Amino acid sequence: MSASPKTTRAFILSALQNIGVTPDKLQAIDDGAQIYGPEGLLDSIHIVGLISEIGEWVDSRAGNTKSFFDILDEDLFENFKDINWIESLLNGKFSHVSFSS
């Protein structure tokens, strides 16, 4: 089963909302603002929270023998640079997971 980009994007925005990201930051992120890095909108607490939120969802539904963190590329935070990178990661490596609730 392949997730649609719209569903994946909505899932990411929902995960961000679940960890307490404000509506103005959510809108900026949806518009393509950098999430992580020098110009990133999230502090380290929120980026770790986002990664954990997504990881728990994937691990509970993917049926993989490896965890979400084991499957990620060596540069964990680079995958969370902006919403487009996260979508690409989820739709590429976890295309078999449904991101609808």
PDB file of N, CA and C in Angstrom:
ATOM      1  N   MET A   1       0.844  -1.172   0.000  1.00  0.00           N
ATOM      2  CA  MET A   1       0.000   0.000   0.000  1.00  0.00           C
ATOM      3  C   MET A   1       0.887   1.232   0.000  1.00  0.00           C
ATOM      4  N   SER A   2       0.638   2.125  -0.894  1.00  0.00           N
ATOM      5  CA  SER A   2       1.441   3.329  -0.998  1.00  0.00           C
ATOM      6  C   SER A   2       0.644   4.519  -0.465  1.00  0.00           C
ATOM      7  N   ALA A   3       1.276   5.315   0.349  1.00  0.00           N
ATOM      8  CA  ALA A   3       0.617   6.492   0.910  1.00  0.00           C
ATOM      9  C   ALA A   3       0.642   7.618  -0.103  1.00  0.00           C
ATOM     10  N   SER A   4      -0.435   8.366  -0.165  1.00  0.00           N
ATOM     11  CA  SER A   4      -0.433   9.530  -1.046  1.00  0.00           C
ATOM     12  C   SER A   4       0.341  10.645  -0.364  1.00  0.00           C
ATOM     13  N   PRO A   5       1.021  11.477  -1.164  1.00  0.00           N
ATOM     14  CA  PRO A   5       1.768  12.588  -0.560  1.00  0.00           C
ATOM     15  C   PRO A   5       0.895  13.489   0.302  1.00  0.00           C
ATOM     16  N   LYS A   6      -0.372  13.713  -0.116  1.00  0.00           N
ATOM     17  CA  LYS A   6      -1.253  14.567   0.672  1.00  0.00           C
ATOM     18  C   LYS A   6      -1.500  13.950   2.050  1.00  0.00           C
ATOM     19  N   THR A   7      -1.753  12.636   2.081  1.00  0.00           N
ATOM     20  CA  THR A   7      -1.970  11.950   3.342  1.00  0.00           C
ATOM     21  C   THR A   7      -0.712  11.987   4.205  1.00  0.00           C
ATOM     22  N   THR A   8       0.436  11.756   3.586  1.00  0.00           N
ATOM     23  CA  THR A   8       1.705  11.783   4.317  1.00  0.00           C
ATOM     24  C   THR A   8       1.962  13.173   4.881  1.00  0.00           C
ATOM     25  N   ARG A   9       1.727  14.193   4.085  1.00  0.00           N
ATOM     26  CA  ARG A   9       1.927  15.571   4.538  1.00  0.00           C
ATOM     27  C   ARG A   9       0.990  15.881   5.706  1.00  0.00           C
ATOM     28  N   ALA A  10      -0.269  15.479   5.599  1.00  0.00           N
ATOM     29  CA  ALA A  10      -1.229  15.708   6.684  1.00  0.00           C
ATOM     30  C   ALA A  10      -0.783  14.982   7.952  1.00  0.00           C
ATOM     31  N   PHE A  11      -0.247  13.769   7.785  1.00  0.00           N
ATOM     32  CA  PHE A  11       0.272  13.014   8.927  1.00  0.00           C
ATOM     33  C   PHE A  11       1.416  13.774   9.604  1.00  0.00           C
ATOM     34  N   ILE A  12       2.341  14.295   8.819  1.00  0.00           N
ATOM     35  CA  ILE A  12       3.484  15.042   9.368  1.00  0.00           C
ATOM     36  C   ILE A  12       2.991  16.278  10.115  1.00  0.00           C
ATOM     37  N   LEU A  13       2.074  17.027   9.512  1.00  0.00           N
ATOM     38  CA  LEU A  13       1.540  18.223  10.164  1.00  0.00           C
ATOM     39  C   LEU A  13       0.795  17.869  11.452  1.00  0.00           C
ATOM     40  N   SER A  14       0.091  16.753  11.448  1.00  0.00           N
ATOM     41  CA  SER A  14      -0.594  16.296  12.651  1.00  0.00           C
ATOM     42  C   SER A  14       0.415  15.926  13.738  1.00  0.00           C
ATOM     43  N   ALA A  15       1.503  15.249  13.356  1.00  0.00           N
ATOM     44  CA  ALA A  15       2.549  14.899  14.318  1.00  0.00           C
ATOM     45  C   ALA A  15       3.159  16.164  14.920  1.00  0.00           C
ATOM     46  N   LEU A  16       3.367  17.175  14.085  1.00  0.00           N
ATOM     47  CA  LEU A  16       3.907  18.447  14.575  1.00  0.00           C
ATOM     48  C   LEU A  16       2.939  19.103  15.554  1.00  0.00           C
ATOM     49  N   GLN A  17       1.667  19.070  15.231  1.00  0.00           N
ATOM     50  CA  GLN A  17       0.659  19.637  16.120  1.00  0.00           C
ATOM     51  C   GLN A  17       0.620  18.871  17.443  1.00  0.00           C
ATOM     52  N   ASN A  18       0.747  17.549  17.379  1.00  0.00           N
ATOM     53  CA  ASN A  18       0.724  16.709  18.586  1.00  0.00           C
ATOM     54  C   ASN A  18       1.860  17.033  19.546  1.00  0.00           C
ATOM     55  N   ILE A  19       2.984  17.515  19.017  1.00  0.00           N
ATOM     56  CA  ILE A  19       4.107  17.834  19.898  1.00  0.00           C
ATOM     57  C   ILE A  19       4.118  19.304  20.313  1.00  0.00           C
ATOM     58  N   GLY A  20       3.060  20.036  19.952  1.00  0.00           N
ATOM     59  CA  GLY A  20       2.908  21.398  20.443  1.00  0.00           C
ATOM     60  C   GLY A  20       3.432  22.510  19.554  1.00  0.00           C
ATOM     61  N   VAL A  21       3.638  22.232  18.276  1.00  0.00           N
ATOM     62  CA  VAL A  21       4.078  23.285  17.354  1.00  0.00           C
ATOM     63  C   VAL A  21       2.898  24.234  17.116  1.00  0.00           C
ATOM     64  N   THR A  22       3.160  25.521  17.195  1.00  0.00           N
ATOM     65  CA  THR A  22       2.120  26.539  17.080  1.00  0.00           C
ATOM     66  C   THR A  22       1.574  26.631  15.655  1.00  0.00           C
ATOM     67  N   PRO A  23       0.323  27.095  15.525  1.00  0.00           N
ATOM     68  CA  PRO A  23      -0.296  27.198  14.199  1.00  0.00           C
ATOM     69  C   PRO A  23       0.503  28.023  13.188  1.00  0.00           C
ATOM     70  N   ASP A  24       1.116  29.113  13.632  1.00  0.00           N
ATOM     71  CA  ASP A  24       1.893  29.924  12.695  1.00  0.00           C
ATOM     72  C   ASP A  24       3.120  29.167  12.183  1.00  0.00           C
ATOM     73  N   LYS A  25       3.769  28.397  13.038  1.00  0.00           N
ATOM     74  CA  LYS A  25       4.905  27.583  12.605  1.00  0.00           C
ATOM     75  C   LYS A  25       4.443  26.432  11.715  1.00  0.00           C
ATOM     76  N   LEU A  26       3.290  25.837  12.039  1.00  0.00           N
ATOM     77  CA  LEU A  26       2.740  24.777  11.191  1.00  0.00           C
ATOM     78  C   LEU A  26       2.519  25.285   9.773  1.00  0.00           C
ATOM     79  N   GLN A  27       1.947  26.473   9.663  1.00  0.00           N
ATOM     80  CA  GLN A  27       1.695  27.053   8.339  1.00  0.00           C
ATOM     81  C   GLN A  27       3.001  27.304   7.596  1.00  0.00           C
ATOM     82  N   ALA A  28       3.989  27.849   8.296  1.00  0.00           N
ATOM     83  CA  ALA A  28       5.289  28.114   7.669  1.00  0.00           C
ATOM     84  C   ALA A  28       5.950  26.809   7.210  1.00  0.00           C
ATOM     85  N   ILE A  29       5.851  25.780   8.027  1.00  0.00           N
ATOM     86  CA  ILE A  29       6.423  24.478   7.672  1.00  0.00           C
ATOM     87  C   ILE A  29       5.697  23.903   6.462  1.00  0.00           C
ATOM     88  N   ASP A  30       4.369  24.000   6.454  1.00  0.00           N
ATOM     89  CA  ASP A  30       3.587  23.518   5.321  1.00  0.00           C
ATOM     90  C   ASP A  30       3.956  24.281   4.044  1.00  0.00           C
ATOM     91  N   ASP A  31       4.330  25.533   4.194  1.00  0.00           N
ATOM     92  CA  ASP A  31       4.738  26.355   3.052  1.00  0.00           C
ATOM     93  C   ASP A  31       6.188  26.100   2.633  1.00  0.00           C
ATOM     94  N   GLY A  32       6.900  25.226   3.370  1.00  0.00           N
ATOM     95  CA  GLY A  32       8.253  24.849   2.974  1.00  0.00           C
ATOM     96  C   GLY A  32       9.385  25.402   3.824  1.00  0.00           C
ATOM     97  N   ALA A  33       9.059  26.065   4.928  1.00  0.00           N
ATOM     98  CA  ALA A  33      10.117  26.597   5.798  1.00  0.00           C
ATOM     99  C   ALA A  33      10.961  25.462   6.352  1.00  0.00           C
ATOM    100  N   GLN A  34      12.210  25.779   6.616  1.00  0.00           N
ATOM    101  CA  GLN A  34      13.128  24.786   7.165  1.00  0.00           C
ATOM    102  C   GLN A  34      12.705  24.426   8.586  1.00  0.00           C
ATOM    103  N   ILE A  35      12.687  23.116   8.873  1.00  0.00           N
ATOM    104  CA  ILE A  35      12.323  22.629  10.199  1.00  0.00           C
ATOM    105  C   ILE A  35      13.556  22.524  11.081  1.00  0.00           C
ATOM    106  N   TYR A  36      14.605  21.951  10.516  1.00  0.00           N
ATOM    107  CA  TYR A  36      15.835  21.706  11.279  1.00  0.00           C
ATOM    108  C   TYR A  36      17.004  22.346  10.555  1.00  0.00           C
ATOM    109  N   GLY A  37      17.912  22.908  11.299  1.00  0.00           N
ATOM    110  CA  GLY A  37      19.106  23.520  10.736  1.00  0.00           C
ATOM    111  C   GLY A  37      19.235  24.951  11.197  1.00  0.00           C
ATOM    112  N   PRO A  38      20.196  25.672  10.625  1.00  0.00           N
ATOM    113  CA  PRO A  38      20.446  27.050  11.058  1.00  0.00           C
ATOM    114  C   PRO A  38      19.218  27.961  10.964  1.00  0.00           C
ATOM    115  N   GLU A  39      18.391  27.746   9.964  1.00  0.00           N
ATOM    116  CA  GLU A  39      17.186  28.566   9.779  1.00  0.00           C
ATOM    117  C   GLU A  39      15.932  27.827  10.250  1.00  0.00           C
ATOM    118  N   GLY A  40      16.110  26.704  10.932  1.00  0.00           N
ATOM    119  CA  GLY A  40      14.989  25.861  11.317  1.00  0.00           C
ATOM    120  C   GLY A  40      14.063  26.478  12.340  1.00  0.00           C
ATOM    121  N   LEU A  41      12.801  26.135  12.232  1.00  0.00           N
ATOM    122  CA  LEU A  41      11.779  26.678  13.126  1.00  0.00           C
ATOM    123  C   LEU A  41      11.653  25.934  14.447  1.00  0.00           C
ATOM    124  N   LEU A  42      12.138  24.686  14.487  1.00  0.00           N
ATOM    125  CA  LEU A  42      11.981  23.892  15.703  1.00  0.00           C
ATOM    126  C   LEU A  42      13.265  23.856  16.529  1.00  0.00           C
ATOM    127  N   ASP A  43      13.083  23.894  17.841  1.00  0.00           N
ATOM    128  CA  ASP A  43      14.224  23.708  18.732  1.00  0.00           C
ATOM    129  C   ASP A  43      14.504  22.210  18.860  1.00  0.00           C
ATOM    130  N   SER A  44      15.564  21.866  19.555  1.00  0.00           N
ATOM    131  CA  SER A  44      15.979  20.460  19.644  1.00  0.00           C
ATOM    132  C   SER A  44      14.934  19.587  20.331  1.00  0.00           C
ATOM    133  N   ILE A  45      14.220  20.111  21.301  1.00  0.00           N
ATOM    134  CA  ILE A  45      13.175  19.353  21.994  1.00  0.00           C
ATOM    135  C   ILE A  45      12.081  18.946  21.007  1.00  0.00           C
ATOM    136  N   HIS A  46      11.639  19.899  20.182  1.00  0.00           N
ATOM    137  CA  HIS A  46      10.578  19.613  19.221  1.00  0.00           C
ATOM    138  C   HIS A  46      11.046  18.683  18.100  1.00  0.00           C
ATOM    139  N   ILE A  47      12.268  18.821  17.624  1.00  0.00           N
ATOM    140  CA  ILE A  47      12.730  17.945  16.543  1.00  0.00           C
ATOM    141  C   ILE A  47      12.838  16.501  17.049  1.00  0.00           C
ATOM    142  N   VAL A  48      13.338  16.318  18.258  1.00  0.00           N
ATOM    143  CA  VAL A  48      13.409  14.970  18.838  1.00  0.00           C
ATOM    144  C   VAL A  48      11.992  14.430  19.066  1.00  0.00           C
ATOM    145  N   GLY A  49      11.093  15.282  19.517  1.00  0.00           N
ATOM    146  CA  GLY A  49       9.702  14.873  19.694  1.00  0.00           C
ATOM    147  C   GLY A  49       9.053  14.445  18.390  1.00  0.00           C
ATOM    148  N   LEU A  50       9.323  15.190  17.321  1.00  0.00           N
ATOM    149  CA  LEU A  50       8.785  14.851  16.007  1.00  0.00           C
ATOM    150  C   LEU A  50       9.314  13.508  15.523  1.00  0.00           C
ATOM    151  N   ILE A  51      10.605  13.315  15.642  1.00  0.00           N
ATOM    152  CA  ILE A  51      11.213  12.049  15.219  1.00  0.00           C
ATOM    153  C   ILE A  51      10.634  10.893  16.027  1.00  0.00           C
ATOM    154  N   SER A  52      10.470  11.078  17.320  1.00  0.00           N
ATOM    155  CA  SER A  52       9.889  10.030  18.173  1.00  0.00           C
ATOM    156  C   SER A  52       8.444   9.744  17.799  1.00  0.00           C
ATOM    157  N   GLU A  53       7.675  10.795  17.575  1.00  0.00           N
ATOM    158  CA  GLU A  53       6.258  10.649  17.209  1.00  0.00           C
ATOM    159  C   GLU A  53       6.117   9.849  15.912  1.00  0.00           C
ATOM    160  N   ILE A  54       6.884  10.216  14.906  1.00  0.00           N
ATOM    161  CA  ILE A  54       6.838   9.515  13.620  1.00  0.00           C
ATOM    162  C   ILE A  54       7.362   8.085  13.781  1.00  0.00           C
ATOM    163  N   GLY A  55       8.453   7.929  14.510  1.00  0.00           N
ATOM    164  CA  GLY A  55       9.042   6.610  14.711  1.00  0.00           C
ATOM    165  C   GLY A  55       8.101   5.644  15.395  1.00  0.00           C
ATOM    166  N   GLU A  56       7.406   6.099  16.418  1.00  0.00           N
ATOM    167  CA  GLU A  56       6.451   5.241  17.117  1.00  0.00           C
ATOM    168  C   GLU A  56       5.313   4.816  16.199  1.00  0.00           C
ATOM    169  N   TRP A  57       4.812   5.750  15.391  1.00  0.00           N
ATOM    170  CA  TRP A  57       3.724   5.441  14.455  1.00  0.00           C
ATOM    171  C   TRP A  57       4.182   4.374  13.455  1.00  0.00           C
ATOM    172  N   VAL A  58       5.344   4.608  12.856  1.00  0.00           N
ATOM    173  CA  VAL A  58       5.860   3.678  11.851  1.00  0.00           C
ATOM    174  C   VAL A  58       6.126   2.310  12.479  1.00  0.00           C
ATOM    175  N   ASP A  59       6.794   2.284  13.612  1.00  0.00           N
ATOM    176  CA  ASP A  59       7.117   1.004  14.255  1.00  0.00           C
ATOM    177  C   ASP A  59       5.869   0.208  14.624  1.00  0.00           C
ATOM    178  N   SER A  60       4.797   0.893  14.988  1.00  0.00           N
ATOM    179  CA  SER A  60       3.577   0.181  15.391  1.00  0.00           C
ATOM    180  C   SER A  60       2.776  -0.337  14.202  1.00  0.00           C
ATOM    181  N   ARG A  61       3.103   0.135  12.984  1.00  0.00           N
ATOM    182  CA  ARG A  61       2.315  -0.251  11.821  1.00  0.00           C
ATOM    183  C   ARG A  61       3.098  -0.915  10.693  1.00  0.00           C
ATOM    184  N   ALA A  62       4.395  -0.786  10.708  1.00  0.00           N
ATOM    185  CA  ALA A  62       5.194  -1.222   9.561  1.00  0.00           C
ATOM    186  C   ALA A  62       5.419  -2.724   9.496  1.00  0.00           C
ATOM    187  N   GLY A  63       5.504  -3.370  10.637  1.00  0.00           N
ATOM    188  CA  GLY A  63       5.771  -4.797  10.636  1.00  0.00           C
ATOM    189  C   GLY A  63       7.192  -5.144  10.209  1.00  0.00           C
ATOM    190  N   ASN A  64       8.109  -4.210  10.369  1.00  0.00           N
ATOM    191  CA  ASN A  64       9.517  -4.444  10.030  1.00  0.00           C
ATOM    192  C   ASN A  64      10.233  -5.146  11.172  1.00  0.00           C
ATOM    193  N   THR A  65      11.262  -5.881  10.832  1.00  0.00           N
ATOM    194  CA  THR A  65      12.088  -6.480  11.881  1.00  0.00           C
ATOM    195  C   THR A  65      13.045  -5.436  12.452  1.00  0.00           C
ATOM    196  N   LYS A  66      13.327  -4.398  11.685  1.00  0.00           N
ATOM    197  CA  LYS A  66      14.172  -3.289  12.154  1.00  0.00           C
ATOM    198  C   LYS A  66      13.276  -2.133  12.596  1.00  0.00           C
ATOM    199  N   SER A  67      13.770  -1.342  13.535  1.00  0.00           N
ATOM    200  CA  SER A  67      13.010  -0.181  13.986  1.00  0.00           C
ATOM    201  C   SER A  67      13.159   0.971  12.990  1.00  0.00           C
ATOM    202  N   PHE A  68      12.309   1.954  13.154  1.00  0.00           N
ATOM    203  CA  PHE A  68      12.348   3.174  12.341  1.00  0.00           C
ATOM    204  C   PHE A  68      13.753   3.766  12.331  1.00  0.00           C
ATOM    205  N   PHE A  69      14.369   3.840  13.503  1.00  0.00           N
ATOM    206  CA  PHE A  69      15.691   4.446  13.618  1.00  0.00           C
ATOM    207  C   PHE A  69      16.766   3.614  12.928  1.00  0.00           C
ATOM    208  N   ASP A  70      16.625   2.293  12.947  1.00  0.00           N
ATOM    209  CA  ASP A  70      17.591   1.420  12.279  1.00  0.00           C
ATOM    210  C   ASP A  70      17.544   1.575  10.760  1.00  0.00           C
ATOM    211  N   ILE A  71      16.368   1.902  10.238  1.00  0.00           N
ATOM    212  CA  ILE A  71      16.181   1.991   8.792  1.00  0.00           C
ATOM    213  C   ILE A  71      16.652   3.335   8.237  1.00  0.00           C
ATOM    214  N   LEU A  72      16.659   4.366   9.052  1.00  0.00           N
ATOM    215  CA  LEU A  72      17.061   5.702   8.579  1.00  0.00           C
ATOM    216  C   LEU A  72      18.509   5.722   8.127  1.00  0.00           C
ATOM    217  N   ASP A  73      18.787   6.641   7.220  1.00  0.00           N
ATOM    218  CA  ASP A  73      20.168   6.853   6.782  1.00  0.00           C
ATOM    219  C   ASP A  73      21.010   7.335   7.948  1.00  0.00           C
ATOM    220  N   GLU A  74      22.317   7.320   7.764  1.00  0.00           N
ATOM    221  CA  GLU A  74      23.230   7.670   8.859  1.00  0.00           C
ATOM    222  C   GLU A  74      23.038   9.077   9.401  1.00  0.00           C
ATOM    223  N   ASP A  75      22.601  10.025   8.588  1.00  0.00           N
ATOM    224  CA  ASP A  75      22.401  11.385   9.074  1.00  0.00           C
ATOM    225  C   ASP A  75      20.933  11.593   9.427  1.00  0.00           C
ATOM    226  N   LEU A  76      20.565  11.196  10.629  1.00  0.00           N
ATOM    227  CA  LEU A  76      19.192  11.226  11.088  1.00  0.00           C
ATOM    228  C   LEU A  76      18.544  12.592  10.905  1.00  0.00           C
ATOM    229  N   PHE A  77      19.177  13.641  11.391  1.00  0.00           N
ATOM    230  CA  PHE A  77      18.556  14.965  11.386  1.00  0.00           C
ATOM    231  C   PHE A  77      18.424  15.549   9.981  1.00  0.00           C
ATOM    232  N   GLU A  78      19.295  15.178   9.068  1.00  0.00           N
ATOM    233  CA  GLU A  78      19.209  15.677   7.690  1.00  0.00           C
ATOM    234  C   GLU A  78      17.884  15.255   7.055  1.00  0.00           C
ATOM    235  N   ASN A  79      17.364  14.102   7.444  1.00  0.00           N
ATOM    236  CA  ASN A  79      16.076  13.625   6.921  1.00  0.00           C
ATOM    237  C   ASN A  79      14.905  14.479   7.397  1.00  0.00           C
ATOM    238  N   PHE A  80      15.130  15.315   8.392  1.00  0.00           N
ATOM    239  CA  PHE A  80      14.069  16.140   8.964  1.00  0.00           C
ATOM    240  C   PHE A  80      14.317  17.627   8.725  1.00  0.00           C
ATOM    241  N   LYS A  81      15.017  17.922   7.657  1.00  0.00           N
ATOM    242  CA  LYS A  81      15.373  19.299   7.293  1.00  0.00           C
ATOM    243  C   LYS A  81      14.132  20.158   7.016  1.00  0.00           C
ATOM    244  N   ASP A  82      13.193  19.626   6.240  1.00  0.00           N
ATOM    245  CA  ASP A  82      11.936  20.316   5.975  1.00  0.00           C
ATOM    246  C   ASP A  82      10.864  19.281   5.646  1.00  0.00           C
ATOM    247  N   ILE A  83       9.640  19.720   5.471  1.00  0.00           N
ATOM    248  CA  ILE A  83       8.533  18.785   5.281  1.00  0.00           C
ATOM    249  C   ILE A  83       8.703  17.962   4.005  1.00  0.00           C
ATOM    250  N   ASN A  84       9.322  18.537   2.983  1.00  0.00           N
ATOM    251  CA  ASN A  84       9.526  17.801   1.737  1.00  0.00           C
ATOM    252  C   ASN A  84      10.506  16.637   1.931  1.00  0.00           C
ATOM    253  N   TRP A  85      11.549  16.839   2.717  1.00  0.00           N
ATOM    254  CA  TRP A  85      12.502  15.766   3.018  1.00  0.00           C
ATOM    255  C   TRP A  85      11.814  14.659   3.802  1.00  0.00           C
ATOM    256  N   ILE A  86      10.984  15.040   4.770  1.00  0.00           N
ATOM    257  CA  ILE A  86      10.290  14.035   5.582  1.00  0.00           C
ATOM    258  C   ILE A  86       9.321  13.236   4.715  1.00  0.00           C
ATOM    259  N   GLU A  87       8.582  13.927   3.857  1.00  0.00           N
ATOM    260  CA  GLU A  87       7.669  13.230   2.944  1.00  0.00           C
ATOM    261  C   GLU A  87       8.419  12.246   2.060  1.00  0.00           C
ATOM    262  N   SER A  88       9.532  12.690   1.523  1.00  0.00           N
ATOM    263  CA  SER A  88      10.342  11.830   0.658  1.00  0.00           C
ATOM    264  C   SER A  88      10.817  10.593   1.422  1.00  0.00           C
ATOM    265  N   LEU A  89      11.272  10.795   2.644  1.00  0.00           N
ATOM    266  CA  LEU A  89      11.724   9.686   3.485  1.00  0.00           C
ATOM    267  C   LEU A  89      10.590   8.692   3.726  1.00  0.00           C
ATOM    268  N   LEU A  90       9.450   9.189   4.172  1.00  0.00           N
ATOM    269  CA  LEU A  90       8.337   8.313   4.518  1.00  0.00           C
ATOM    270  C   LEU A  90       7.760   7.608   3.293  1.00  0.00           C
ATOM    271  N   ASN A  91       7.597   8.333   2.198  1.00  0.00           N
ATOM    272  CA  ASN A  91       7.034   7.731   0.989  1.00  0.00           C
ATOM    273  C   ASN A  91       8.023   6.801   0.299  1.00  0.00           C
ATOM    274  N   GLY A  92       9.314   6.985   0.540  1.00  0.00           N
ATOM    275  CA  GLY A  92      10.326   6.124  -0.061  1.00  0.00           C
ATOM    276  C   GLY A  92      10.583   4.873   0.753  1.00  0.00           C
ATOM    277  N   LYS A  93      11.054   5.046   1.957  1.00  0.00           N
ATOM    278  CA  LYS A  93      11.455   3.905   2.787  1.00  0.00           C
ATOM    279  C   LYS A  93      10.292   3.214   3.492  1.00  0.00           C
ATOM    280  N   PHE A  94       9.163   3.903   3.610  1.00  0.00           N
ATOM    281  CA  PHE A  94       8.037   3.342   4.345  1.00  0.00           C
ATOM    282  C   PHE A  94       6.757   3.408   3.508  1.00  0.00           C
ATOM    283  N   SER A  95       6.868   3.182   2.218  1.00  0.00           N
ATOM    284  CA  SER A  95       5.722   3.279   1.315  1.00  0.00           C
ATOM    285  C   SER A  95       4.640   2.247   1.630  1.00  0.00           C
ATOM    286  N   HIS A  96       4.989   1.200   2.343  1.00  0.00           N
ATOM    287  CA  HIS A  96       4.031   0.163   2.706  1.00  0.00           C
ATOM    288  C   HIS A  96       3.188   0.518   3.943  1.00  0.00           C
ATOM    289  N   VAL A  97       3.484   1.666   4.554  1.00  0.00           N
ATOM    290  CA  VAL A  97       2.776   2.085   5.771  1.00  0.00           C
ATOM    291  C   VAL A  97       1.708   3.105   5.397  1.00  0.00           C
ATOM    292  N   SER A  98       0.517   2.935   5.957  1.00  0.00           N
ATOM    293  CA  SER A  98      -0.545   3.919   5.757  1.00  0.00           C
ATOM    294  C   SER A  98      -0.397   5.024   6.791  1.00  0.00           C
ATOM    295  N   PHE A  99      -0.368   6.259   6.329  1.00  0.00           N
ATOM    296  CA  PHE A  99      -0.235   7.405   7.234  1.00  0.00           C
ATOM    297  C   PHE A  99      -1.559   8.088   7.521  1.00  0.00           C
ATOM    298  N   SER A 100      -2.642   7.420   7.171  1.00  0.00           N
ATOM    299  CA  SER A 100      -3.957   7.957   7.553  1.00  0.00           C
ATOM    300  C   SER A 100      -4.331   7.326   8.896  1.00  0.00           C
ATOM    301  N   SER A 101      -5.085   8.069   9.690  1.00  0.00           N
ATOM    302  CA  SER A 101      -5.398   7.577  11.034  1.00  0.00           C
ATOM    303  C   SER A 101      -6.486   6.568  11.079  1.00  0.00           C
TER     304      SER A 101
END
